[in-house]
């Protein structure tokens, strides 16, 4: 379990993290979201003692990271995949880490197989691709078989097979009762991986809730319509503030009208409906709506 209480970090006049409080529970995957500059990486660094907070506390299983006698066995961390000696092989990098905690070589070989690096384990890590570096970073995070895993952008640089592998791995670890805390900018992947979300903006907590609740709260006036009379219905629905997009041959996506209003129009014109379903916002849409006022770096149209 991770407990963050009134965590604050100031760099000169800049307030990077502002009295942030949340709890990451075991047995589920918790996603950490926020726009660029929101304070996510700074918060993760403070949790594992790489940055000292200006105020507040961060605890893992009731202790500060530095107070754990064998931190690799308690907390697995991936914050920067390429924070490795480029001249060492993947195996030697993991063995060096293992030696600090008396972790046997057999465990090193287990995590090499777990992350799919067996064929390149003897090669210099400095020559690894971004995706291979990510796999090595995940191997290092899991080396001590920790109960808490903290990963910053773990799927960055991975191909689709690798992304699926990370998703399956993390959900499996959570099912074992471990605490999983990860950040990602890939909203579609976070929607498939995370059970719970913590959203921050400008260093402050914006939301702390399950994924489904966030998407349910987000505004969406789209309605999916399936009808053999799609062309005629599209003409009848036309009007100010109404947008109709065509999907498959018999599908329409309607914005600006409720399901009841669309059903009434269809009835009045004797048109058949096979489906009339309000559409829930995607996680990306919900995130954009939630953080609209917390974006620090915003592009300006030319």
Protein backbone atom coordinates (compact mmCIF):
# COMPACT_ATOMS: atom_id res chain seq x y z
CA UNK A 1 0.00 0.00 0.00
CA UNK A 2 1.19 3.52 -0.81
CA UNK A 3 0.05 6.44 1.35
CA UNK A 4 0.74 10.00 0.22
CA UNK A 5 -0.23 12.71 2.70
CA UNK A 6 -0.07 16.45 2.03
CA UNK A 7 2.94 15.86 -0.19
CA UNK A 8 4.45 19.12 -1.41
CA UNK A 9 7.48 19.91 -3.55
CA UNK A 10 8.70 23.38 -4.36
CA UNK A 11 11.57 24.26 -6.72
CA UNK A 12 12.34 27.88 -5.96
CA UNK A 13 9.19 29.82 -6.83
CA UNK A 14 7.65 26.88 -8.70
CA UNK A 15 5.21 24.64 -6.84
CA UNK A 16 5.53 21.26 -8.57
CA UNK A 17 3.39 19.24 -6.12
CA UNK A 18 0.80 20.98 -3.97
CA UNK A 19 -0.42 19.26 -0.75
CA UNK A 20 -1.18 16.04 -2.61
CA UNK A 21 -2.90 13.21 -0.73
CA UNK A 22 -4.04 9.80 -1.99
CA UNK A 23 -3.80 6.08 -1.24
CA UNK A 24 -2.86 3.27 -3.64
CA UNK A 25 -4.54 0.06 -2.51
CA UNK A 26 -3.21 -3.49 -3.03
CA UNK A 27 -4.98 -5.95 -5.29
CA UNK A 28 -5.67 -3.57 -8.15
CA UNK A 29 -3.85 -1.59 -10.84
CA UNK A 30 -3.91 2.14 -10.08
CA UNK A 31 -3.19 4.50 -12.95
CA UNK A 32 -1.54 7.88 -12.34
CA UNK A 33 -2.64 10.45 -14.92
CA UNK A 34 -2.06 14.11 -15.55
CA UNK A 35 -0.97 16.53 -18.28
CA UNK A 36 2.72 17.18 -18.89
CA UNK A 37 4.11 19.14 -15.96
CA UNK A 38 1.37 17.96 -13.60
CA UNK A 39 3.86 16.59 -11.04
CA UNK A 40 3.50 12.84 -11.68
CA UNK A 41 7.19 12.00 -12.03
CA UNK A 42 8.12 14.28 -9.13
CA UNK A 43 5.55 12.52 -6.94
CA UNK A 44 6.87 9.09 -7.89
CA UNK A 45 10.43 10.22 -7.17
CA UNK A 46 9.41 11.44 -3.73
CA UNK A 47 7.66 8.15 -2.96
CA UNK A 48 10.94 6.28 -3.48
CA UNK A 49 13.17 8.88 -1.85
CA UNK A 50 14.90 10.25 -4.95
CA UNK A 51 13.51 13.74 -4.23
CA UNK A 52 12.99 15.12 -0.74
CA UNK A 53 9.55 16.66 -0.17
CA UNK A 54 9.25 20.25 0.91
CA UNK A 55 6.41 19.10 3.16
CA UNK A 56 4.21 16.06 3.70
CA UNK A 57 4.98 12.35 3.66
CA UNK A 58 5.02 9.36 1.35
CA UNK A 59 4.88 5.86 2.85
CA UNK A 60 5.00 2.36 1.39
CA UNK A 61 3.49 -0.21 3.75
CA UNK A 62 3.71 2.33 6.56
CA UNK A 63 7.38 3.28 6.09
CA UNK A 64 9.38 5.80 4.14
CA UNK A 65 11.29 4.09 1.34
CA UNK A 66 14.65 4.75 3.01
CA UNK A 67 13.45 2.96 6.16
CA UNK A 68 12.88 -0.38 4.44
CA UNK A 69 15.74 -2.72 5.31
CA UNK A 70 15.62 -4.41 1.89
CA UNK A 71 13.84 -1.96 -0.43
CA UNK A 72 14.25 -4.04 -3.62
CA UNK A 73 12.28 -6.80 -1.92
CA UNK A 74 9.55 -4.36 -0.87
CA UNK A 75 9.23 -1.86 -3.73
CA UNK A 76 10.02 -2.45 -7.38
CA UNK A 77 10.59 0.75 -9.32
CA UNK A 78 10.97 1.76 -12.96
CA UNK A 79 11.35 5.51 -13.39
CA UNK A 80 14.03 5.68 -16.08
CA UNK A 81 14.62 2.54 -18.12
CA UNK A 82 18.02 3.63 -19.44
CA UNK A 83 19.51 4.41 -16.03
CA UNK A 84 21.99 1.60 -16.52
CA UNK A 85 25.72 1.22 -17.21
CA UNK A 86 25.82 0.97 -21.02
CA UNK A 87 28.84 -1.34 -20.97
CA UNK A 88 27.22 -4.01 -18.83
CA UNK A 89 25.21 -6.85 -20.20
CA UNK A 90 21.57 -7.17 -19.16
CA UNK A 91 22.49 -10.18 -17.01
CA UNK A 92 25.39 -8.39 -15.29
CA UNK A 93 23.21 -5.33 -14.64
CA UNK A 94 20.65 -7.50 -12.88
CA UNK A 95 23.30 -9.47 -11.01
CA UNK A 96 24.83 -6.23 -9.70
CA UNK A 97 21.44 -5.17 -8.37
CA UNK A 98 20.81 -8.63 -6.93
CA UNK A 99 24.12 -8.57 -5.06
CA UNK A 100 23.00 -5.53 -3.03
CA UNK A 101 20.16 -7.59 -1.52
CA UNK A 102 21.63 -11.10 -1.53
CA UNK A 103 19.19 -12.12 -4.26
CA UNK A 104 20.32 -15.43 -5.81
CA UNK A 105 21.44 -15.70 -9.44
CA UNK A 106 18.54 -18.07 -10.07
CA UNK A 107 16.13 -15.17 -9.55
CA UNK A 108 18.07 -13.12 -12.10
CA UNK A 109 17.55 -15.88 -14.66
CA UNK A 110 13.84 -16.06 -13.76
CA UNK A 111 13.20 -12.38 -14.45
CA UNK A 112 15.25 -12.53 -17.66
CA UNK A 113 12.86 -15.21 -18.89
CA UNK A 114 9.85 -13.36 -17.49
CA UNK A 115 10.55 -10.24 -19.57
CA UNK A 116 11.65 -12.10 -22.70
CA UNK A 117 15.33 -11.09 -22.77
CA UNK A 118 16.90 -14.57 -22.78
CA UNK A 119 18.38 -14.23 -26.28
CA UNK A 120 20.04 -10.86 -25.54
CA UNK A 121 20.88 -11.30 -21.84
CA UNK A 122 24.60 -11.39 -22.58
CA UNK A 123 24.63 -8.30 -24.80
CA UNK A 124 25.61 -4.80 -23.72
CA UNK A 125 22.55 -2.96 -22.44
CA UNK A 126 23.77 0.31 -23.95
CA UNK A 127 22.99 -1.07 -27.41
CA UNK A 128 19.42 -2.02 -26.51
CA UNK A 129 16.45 -0.50 -28.30
CA UNK A 130 13.97 1.56 -26.31
CA UNK A 131 11.63 -1.41 -26.01
CA UNK A 132 14.38 -3.78 -24.86
CA UNK A 133 15.50 -1.18 -22.33
CA UNK A 134 11.95 -1.03 -20.98
CA UNK A 135 11.90 -4.81 -20.57
CA UNK A 136 15.20 -4.68 -18.69
CA UNK A 137 13.86 -1.92 -16.45
CA UNK A 138 10.79 -3.99 -15.65
CA UNK A 139 13.03 -6.98 -14.90
CA UNK A 140 14.97 -4.84 -12.42
CA UNK A 141 11.73 -3.67 -10.80
CA UNK A 142 10.56 -7.26 -10.32
CA UNK A 143 13.95 -8.66 -9.27
CA UNK A 144 13.21 -8.69 -5.53
CA UNK A 145 9.67 -10.11 -6.01
CA UNK A 146 8.25 -6.96 -4.34
CA UNK A 147 4.76 -6.46 -3.00
CA UNK A 148 4.61 -2.93 -4.45
CA UNK A 149 5.48 -2.03 -8.04
CA UNK A 150 5.85 1.56 -9.27
CA UNK A 151 6.29 2.08 -13.02
CA UNK A 152 6.58 5.36 -14.92
CA UNK A 153 5.52 4.95 -18.59
CA UNK A 154 6.28 1.20 -18.69
CA UNK A 155 4.97 0.63 -22.25
CA UNK A 156 6.95 3.46 -23.81
CA UNK A 157 8.73 2.09 -26.90
CA UNK A 158 7.10 -1.35 -26.78
CA UNK A 159 5.47 -2.94 -29.82
CA UNK A 160 1.83 -4.16 -29.61
CA UNK A 161 2.92 -7.59 -28.37
CA UNK A 162 5.01 -5.95 -25.66
CA UNK A 163 2.16 -3.65 -24.63
CA UNK A 164 -0.16 -6.64 -24.28
CA UNK A 165 2.50 -8.48 -22.29
CA UNK A 166 2.87 -5.58 -19.83
CA UNK A 167 -0.90 -5.32 -19.43
CA UNK A 168 -1.24 -9.03 -18.72
CA UNK A 169 1.75 -8.99 -16.36
CA UNK A 170 0.48 -6.06 -14.28
CA UNK A 171 -3.05 -7.37 -14.00
CA UNK A 172 -1.65 -10.72 -12.94
CA UNK A 173 0.52 -9.11 -10.26
CA UNK A 174 -2.47 -7.16 -8.95
CA UNK A 175 -4.52 -10.36 -8.84
CA UNK A 176 -1.84 -11.78 -6.52
CA UNK A 177 -2.60 -8.96 -4.07
CA UNK A 178 0.28 -6.66 -4.95
CA UNK A 179 0.09 -2.86 -5.11
CA UNK A 180 0.55 -1.68 -8.71
CA UNK A 181 1.01 2.05 -9.44
CA UNK A 182 1.79 3.19 -12.97
CA UNK A 183 1.70 6.27 -15.14
CA UNK A 184 1.11 6.39 -18.89
CA UNK A 185 0.13 8.86 -21.58
CA UNK A 186 -1.58 6.09 -23.58
CA UNK A 187 -5.20 6.52 -22.52
CA UNK A 188 -6.45 3.57 -24.56
CA UNK A 189 -3.99 1.27 -22.80
CA UNK A 190 -4.71 2.73 -19.36
CA UNK A 191 -8.41 2.07 -19.95
CA UNK A 192 -7.61 -1.62 -20.52
CA UNK A 193 -5.07 -1.99 -17.71
CA UNK A 194 -6.11 0.16 -14.74
CA UNK A 195 -8.91 -0.49 -12.25
CA UNK A 196 -8.57 2.82 -10.44
CA UNK A 197 -7.26 6.27 -11.39
CA UNK A 198 -5.55 9.11 -9.61
CA UNK A 199 -5.56 12.26 -11.74
CA UNK A 200 -3.46 15.32 -10.97
CA UNK A 201 -3.07 18.72 -12.57
CA UNK A 202 -0.65 21.51 -11.68
CA UNK A 203 0.47 19.39 -8.74
CA UNK A 204 -2.99 19.06 -7.21
CA UNK A 205 -5.38 16.14 -6.93
CA UNK A 206 -8.23 16.37 -9.45
CA UNK A 207 -9.80 12.91 -9.17
CA UNK A 208 -9.41 9.66 -7.24
CA UNK A 209 -11.94 7.13 -8.53
CA UNK A 210 -12.50 3.91 -10.52
CA UNK A 211 -11.99 4.05 -14.29
CA UNK A 212 -15.63 3.26 -15.02
CA UNK A 213 -16.86 6.03 -12.75
CA UNK A 214 -14.67 8.62 -14.46
CA UNK A 215 -15.93 7.70 -17.93
CA UNK A 216 -19.52 7.56 -16.66
CA UNK A 217 -19.26 11.08 -15.23
CA UNK A 218 -17.84 12.58 -18.41
CA UNK A 219 -20.29 14.41 -20.60
CA UNK A 220 -21.17 12.69 -23.88
CA UNK A 221 -24.24 13.45 -25.95
CA UNK A 222 -23.51 10.87 -28.64
CA UNK A 223 -26.06 8.20 -29.47
CA UNK A 224 -25.38 5.12 -31.59
CA UNK A 225 -28.25 4.33 -33.94
CA UNK A 226 -28.62 1.19 -36.05
CA UNK A 227 -31.36 1.31 -38.65
CA UNK A 228 -32.02 -0.05 -42.16
CA UNK A 229 -33.34 3.45 -42.92
CA UNK A 230 -30.08 5.24 -42.13
CA UNK A 231 -30.12 7.61 -45.11
CA UNK A 232 -33.68 8.74 -44.51
CA UNK A 233 -33.23 9.08 -40.75
CA UNK A 234 -30.10 11.16 -41.25
CA UNK A 235 -32.11 13.60 -43.37
CA UNK A 236 -34.93 13.77 -40.83
CA UNK A 237 -32.57 14.45 -37.92
CA UNK A 238 -30.80 17.36 -39.62
CA UNK A 239 -31.11 20.63 -37.77
CA UNK A 240 -29.28 23.32 -35.78
CA UNK A 241 -26.83 21.86 -33.25
CA UNK A 242 -27.22 18.30 -34.56
CA UNK A 243 -24.30 16.35 -36.02
CA UNK A 244 -24.73 12.95 -37.64
CA UNK A 245 -21.77 10.77 -38.60
CA UNK A 246 -22.05 7.56 -40.59
CA UNK A 247 -20.44 4.37 -39.39
CA UNK A 248 -21.23 1.04 -41.01
CA UNK A 249 -23.91 0.96 -43.67
CA UNK A 250 -26.75 0.83 -41.15
CA UNK A 251 -25.13 2.87 -38.34
CA UNK A 252 -25.29 6.53 -37.38
CA UNK A 253 -23.62 8.39 -34.54
CA UNK A 254 -25.77 11.32 -33.51
CA UNK A 255 -24.75 14.28 -31.37
CA UNK A 256 -27.06 17.03 -30.17
CA UNK A 257 -30.17 14.91 -29.64
CA UNK A 258 -31.17 12.51 -26.87
CA UNK A 259 -32.16 8.90 -27.46
CA UNK A 260 -35.79 9.84 -26.76
CA UNK A 261 -35.73 12.63 -29.33
CA UNK A 262 -34.21 10.38 -31.98
CA UNK A 263 -36.75 7.65 -31.23
CA UNK A 264 -39.61 10.13 -31.57
CA UNK A 265 -38.37 11.34 -34.97
CA UNK A 266 -38.06 7.75 -36.19
CA UNK A 267 -41.57 6.90 -34.97
CA UNK A 268 -43.12 9.99 -36.55
CA UNK A 269 -41.67 9.07 -39.94
CA UNK A 270 -42.33 5.35 -39.73
CA UNK A 271 -38.65 4.39 -39.63
CA UNK A 272 -37.34 1.16 -38.12
CA UNK A 273 -34.73 1.22 -35.34
CA UNK A 274 -32.62 -1.80 -34.42
CA UNK A 275 -30.48 -0.04 -31.80
CA UNK A 276 -30.54 3.25 -29.92
CA UNK A 277 -27.66 3.40 -27.42
CA UNK A 278 -26.21 6.44 -25.60
CA UNK A 279 -22.41 6.33 -25.89
CA UNK A 280 -20.19 6.62 -22.82
CA UNK A 281 -17.17 8.89 -23.13
CA UNK A 282 -13.81 7.22 -23.74
CA UNK A 283 -11.14 7.54 -21.06
CA UNK A 284 -9.26 9.96 -23.31
CA UNK A 285 -12.35 12.16 -23.66
CA UNK A 286 -13.03 12.01 -19.93
CA UNK A 287 -9.41 12.86 -19.14
CA UNK A 288 -9.37 15.82 -21.53
CA UNK A 289 -12.59 17.16 -20.05
CA UNK A 290 -11.36 16.71 -16.49
CA UNK A 291 -7.96 18.34 -17.03
CA UNK A 292 -8.99 21.11 -19.42
CA UNK A 293 -8.15 23.83 -16.90
CA UNK A 294 -4.98 22.14 -15.61
CA UNK A 295 -2.91 22.02 -18.80
CA UNK A 296 0.41 23.79 -18.30
CA UNK A 297 1.71 23.58 -21.86
CA UNK A 298 -0.94 24.26 -24.51
CA UNK A 299 -0.37 24.60 -28.22
CA UNK A 300 -1.75 27.67 -29.99
CA UNK A 301 -3.27 27.23 -33.43
CA UNK A 302 -1.37 28.98 -36.24
